[in-house]
């Protein structure tokens, strides 16, 4: 991770953005106090010749980052499959209105 002060970032913005585009990170400091972090917006497809970025790569990378930070944990596929088998959808009693019918009724009652 590169640290750069604000003046240097302004003077060499293209060079620093190229570094970020290749997957690097930059910490922007103001008098040795970190004020911002610049990270790649999406996958660094340019770092691998011929690689194409998939539209969902950013989500995969974001989840991986959250996992590294300890904010989320990935589920186990076998546990999820067994939960799906145990948990069946709720069935409404016969003659019950649908969710759409209830929503339309609420909208009709609304005073807005």
C-alpha atoms as a PDB file:
ATOM      1  CA  UNK A   1       0.000   0.000   0.000  1.00  0.00           C
ATOM      2  CA  UNK A   2       1.397   3.368  -1.052  1.00  0.00           C
ATOM      3  CA  UNK A   3       1.074   6.503   1.077  1.00  0.00           C
ATOM      4  CA  UNK A   4       0.986   9.824  -0.720  1.00  0.00           C
ATOM      5  CA  UNK A   5       0.337  13.365   0.448  1.00  0.00           C
ATOM      6  CA  UNK A   6      -2.367  15.467  -1.151  1.00  0.00           C
ATOM      7  CA  UNK A   7      -0.042  17.745  -3.128  1.00  0.00           C
ATOM      8  CA  UNK A   8       1.848  14.809  -4.645  1.00  0.00           C
ATOM      9  CA  UNK A   9      -1.414  13.075  -5.510  1.00  0.00           C
ATOM     10  CA  UNK A  10      -2.657  16.208  -7.284  1.00  0.00           C
ATOM     11  CA  UNK A  11       0.620  16.638  -9.190  1.00  0.00           C
ATOM     12  CA  UNK A  12       0.873  12.990 -10.299  1.00  0.00           C
ATOM     13  CA  UNK A  13      -2.759  11.888 -10.376  1.00  0.00           C
ATOM     14  CA  UNK A  14      -2.482   9.891 -13.627  1.00  0.00           C
ATOM     15  CA  UNK A  15       0.472   7.878 -12.339  1.00  0.00           C
ATOM     16  CA  UNK A  16      -1.284   7.090  -9.053  1.00  0.00           C
ATOM     17  CA  UNK A  17      -4.527   6.132 -10.786  1.00  0.00           C
ATOM     18  CA  UNK A  18      -2.581   3.766 -13.060  1.00  0.00           C
ATOM     19  CA  UNK A  19      -1.179   2.127  -9.911  1.00  0.00           C
ATOM     20  CA  UNK A  20      -4.693   1.699  -8.528  1.00  0.00           C
ATOM     21  CA  UNK A  21      -5.986   0.397 -11.854  1.00  0.00           C
ATOM     22  CA  UNK A  22      -3.390  -2.384 -11.679  1.00  0.00           C
ATOM     23  CA  UNK A  23      -4.775  -3.460  -8.309  1.00  0.00           C
ATOM     24  CA  UNK A  24      -2.768  -1.266  -5.947  1.00  0.00           C
ATOM     25  CA  UNK A  25      -4.077   0.794  -3.058  1.00  0.00           C
ATOM     26  CA  UNK A  26      -3.170   4.328  -2.065  1.00  0.00           C
ATOM     27  CA  UNK A  27      -3.572   5.974   1.332  1.00  0.00           C
ATOM     28  CA  UNK A  28      -3.887   9.733   1.033  1.00  0.00           C
ATOM     29  CA  UNK A  29      -2.365  11.579   3.988  1.00  0.00           C
ATOM     30  CA  UNK A  30      -2.632  15.172   5.161  1.00  0.00           C
ATOM     31  CA  UNK A  31       0.346  16.039   7.381  1.00  0.00           C
ATOM     32  CA  UNK A  32       0.929  12.328   8.117  1.00  0.00           C
ATOM     33  CA  UNK A  33      -2.745  11.796   9.042  1.00  0.00           C
ATOM     34  CA  UNK A  34      -4.573   9.322   6.783  1.00  0.00           C
ATOM     35  CA  UNK A  35      -7.646  10.961   5.254  1.00  0.00           C
ATOM     36  CA  UNK A  36      -8.643   8.626   2.411  1.00  0.00           C
ATOM     37  CA  UNK A  37      -7.942   5.304   0.794  1.00  0.00           C
ATOM     38  CA  UNK A  38      -8.102   4.835  -2.973  1.00  0.00           C
ATOM     39  CA  UNK A  39      -8.833   1.273  -4.050  1.00  0.00           C
ATOM     40  CA  UNK A  40      -9.717  -0.272  -7.412  1.00  0.00           C
ATOM     41  CA  UNK A  41     -13.374   0.152  -8.315  1.00  0.00           C
ATOM     42  CA  UNK A  42     -13.611  -3.223 -10.036  1.00  0.00           C
ATOM     43  CA  UNK A  43     -11.345  -6.128 -10.892  1.00  0.00           C
ATOM     44  CA  UNK A  44      -7.960  -5.222 -12.307  1.00  0.00           C
ATOM     45  CA  UNK A  45      -8.501  -6.918 -15.656  1.00  0.00           C
ATOM     46  CA  UNK A  46      -5.647  -4.930 -17.207  1.00  0.00           C
ATOM     47  CA  UNK A  47      -3.154  -6.614 -14.877  1.00  0.00           C
ATOM     48  CA  UNK A  48      -3.705  -9.935 -16.680  1.00  0.00           C
ATOM     49  CA  UNK A  49      -3.296  -9.711 -20.465  1.00  0.00           C
ATOM     50  CA  UNK A  50      -6.381 -10.955 -22.280  1.00  0.00           C
ATOM     51  CA  UNK A  51      -8.482 -11.142 -19.110  1.00  0.00           C
ATOM     52  CA  UNK A  52     -12.027  -9.849 -19.258  1.00  0.00           C
ATOM     53  CA  UNK A  53     -13.789  -8.536 -16.166  1.00  0.00           C
ATOM     54  CA  UNK A  54     -17.137 -10.168 -15.433  1.00  0.00           C
ATOM     55  CA  UNK A  55     -19.953  -7.880 -14.270  1.00  0.00           C
ATOM     56  CA  UNK A  56     -20.239  -9.695 -10.927  1.00  0.00           C
ATOM     57  CA  UNK A  57     -16.497  -9.694 -10.100  1.00  0.00           C
ATOM     58  CA  UNK A  58     -16.862  -6.576  -7.961  1.00  0.00           C
ATOM     59  CA  UNK A  59     -19.419  -8.367  -5.767  1.00  0.00           C
ATOM     60  CA  UNK A  60     -17.134 -11.371  -5.302  1.00  0.00           C
ATOM     61  CA  UNK A  61     -14.235  -9.095  -4.402  1.00  0.00           C
ATOM     62  CA  UNK A  62     -16.382  -7.050  -2.015  1.00  0.00           C
ATOM     63  CA  UNK A  63     -17.571 -10.193  -0.222  1.00  0.00           C
ATOM     64  CA  UNK A  64     -13.981 -11.424   0.040  1.00  0.00           C
ATOM     65  CA  UNK A  65     -12.967  -8.071   1.560  1.00  0.00           C
ATOM     66  CA  UNK A  66     -15.819  -8.218   4.088  1.00  0.00           C
ATOM     67  CA  UNK A  67     -14.779 -11.765   4.986  1.00  0.00           C
ATOM     68  CA  UNK A  68     -11.159 -10.666   5.524  1.00  0.00           C
ATOM     69  CA  UNK A  69     -12.443  -7.932   7.838  1.00  0.00           C
ATOM     70  CA  UNK A  70     -14.423 -10.535   9.786  1.00  0.00           C
ATOM     71  CA  UNK A  71     -17.772  -8.901   9.011  1.00  0.00           C
ATOM     72  CA  UNK A  72     -19.250 -11.879   7.144  1.00  0.00           C
ATOM     73  CA  UNK A  73     -18.618 -15.598   6.959  1.00  0.00           C
ATOM     74  CA  UNK A  74     -19.338 -17.775   3.985  1.00  0.00           C
ATOM     75  CA  UNK A  75     -21.961 -20.453   4.371  1.00  0.00           C
ATOM     76  CA  UNK A  76     -21.223 -24.120   3.867  1.00  0.00           C
ATOM     77  CA  UNK A  77     -22.974 -25.471   0.747  1.00  0.00           C
ATOM     78  CA  UNK A  78     -23.931 -28.727   2.500  1.00  0.00           C
ATOM     79  CA  UNK A  79     -25.480 -26.806   5.415  1.00  0.00           C
ATOM     80  CA  UNK A  80     -27.450 -24.617   3.040  1.00  0.00           C
ATOM     81  CA  UNK A  81     -28.730 -27.649   1.113  1.00  0.00           C
ATOM     82  CA  UNK A  82     -29.862 -29.384   4.297  1.00  0.00           C
ATOM     83  CA  UNK A  83     -31.569 -26.186   5.510  1.00  0.00           C
ATOM     84  CA  UNK A  84     -33.443 -25.916   2.205  1.00  0.00           C
ATOM     85  CA  UNK A  85     -34.624 -29.523   2.566  1.00  0.00           C
ATOM     86  CA  UNK A  86     -35.811 -28.923   6.142  1.00  0.00           C
ATOM     87  CA  UNK A  87     -37.435 -25.548   5.476  1.00  0.00           C
ATOM     88  CA  UNK A  88     -40.436 -25.706   3.236  1.00  0.00           C
ATOM     89  CA  UNK A  89     -42.284 -22.611   2.050  1.00  0.00           C
ATOM     90  CA  UNK A  90     -45.276 -21.483   4.050  1.00  0.00           C
ATOM     91  CA  UNK A  91     -48.590 -22.489   2.514  1.00  0.00           C
ATOM     92  CA  UNK A  92     -51.526 -20.160   2.954  1.00  0.00           C
ATOM     93  CA  UNK A  93     -54.963 -21.462   3.850  1.00  0.00           C
ATOM     94  CA  UNK A  94     -57.374 -21.864   0.946  1.00  0.00           C
ATOM     95  CA  UNK A  95     -59.188 -18.661   0.070  1.00  0.00           C
ATOM     96  CA  UNK A  96     -56.438 -16.424   1.487  1.00  0.00           C
ATOM     97  CA  UNK A  97     -55.723 -13.331  -0.615  1.00  0.00           C
ATOM     98  CA  UNK A  98     -52.424 -13.227  -2.458  1.00  0.00           C
ATOM     99  CA  UNK A  99     -49.626 -10.871  -1.469  1.00  0.00           C
ATOM    100  CA  UNK A 100     -50.344  -8.792  -4.573  1.00  0.00           C
ATOM    101  CA  UNK A 101     -54.030  -8.472  -3.639  1.00  0.00           C
ATOM    102  CA  UNK A 102     -53.077  -7.381  -0.123  1.00  0.00           C
ATOM    103  CA  UNK A 103     -50.605  -4.836  -1.488  1.00  0.00           C
ATOM    104  CA  UNK A 104     -53.178  -3.359  -3.865  1.00  0.00           C
ATOM    105  CA  UNK A 105     -55.686  -3.148  -1.024  1.00  0.00           C
ATOM    106  CA  UNK A 106     -53.155  -1.283   1.135  1.00  0.00           C
ATOM    107  CA  UNK A 107     -52.468   1.137  -1.701  1.00  0.00           C
ATOM    108  CA  UNK A 108     -56.182   1.829  -2.102  1.00  0.00           C
ATOM    109  CA  UNK A 109     -56.513   2.528   1.629  1.00  0.00           C
ATOM    110  CA  UNK A 110     -53.473   4.798   1.691  1.00  0.00           C
ATOM    111  CA  UNK A 111     -54.181   8.485   2.316  1.00  0.00           C
ATOM    112  CA  UNK A 112     -51.117   9.679   0.468  1.00  0.00           C
END
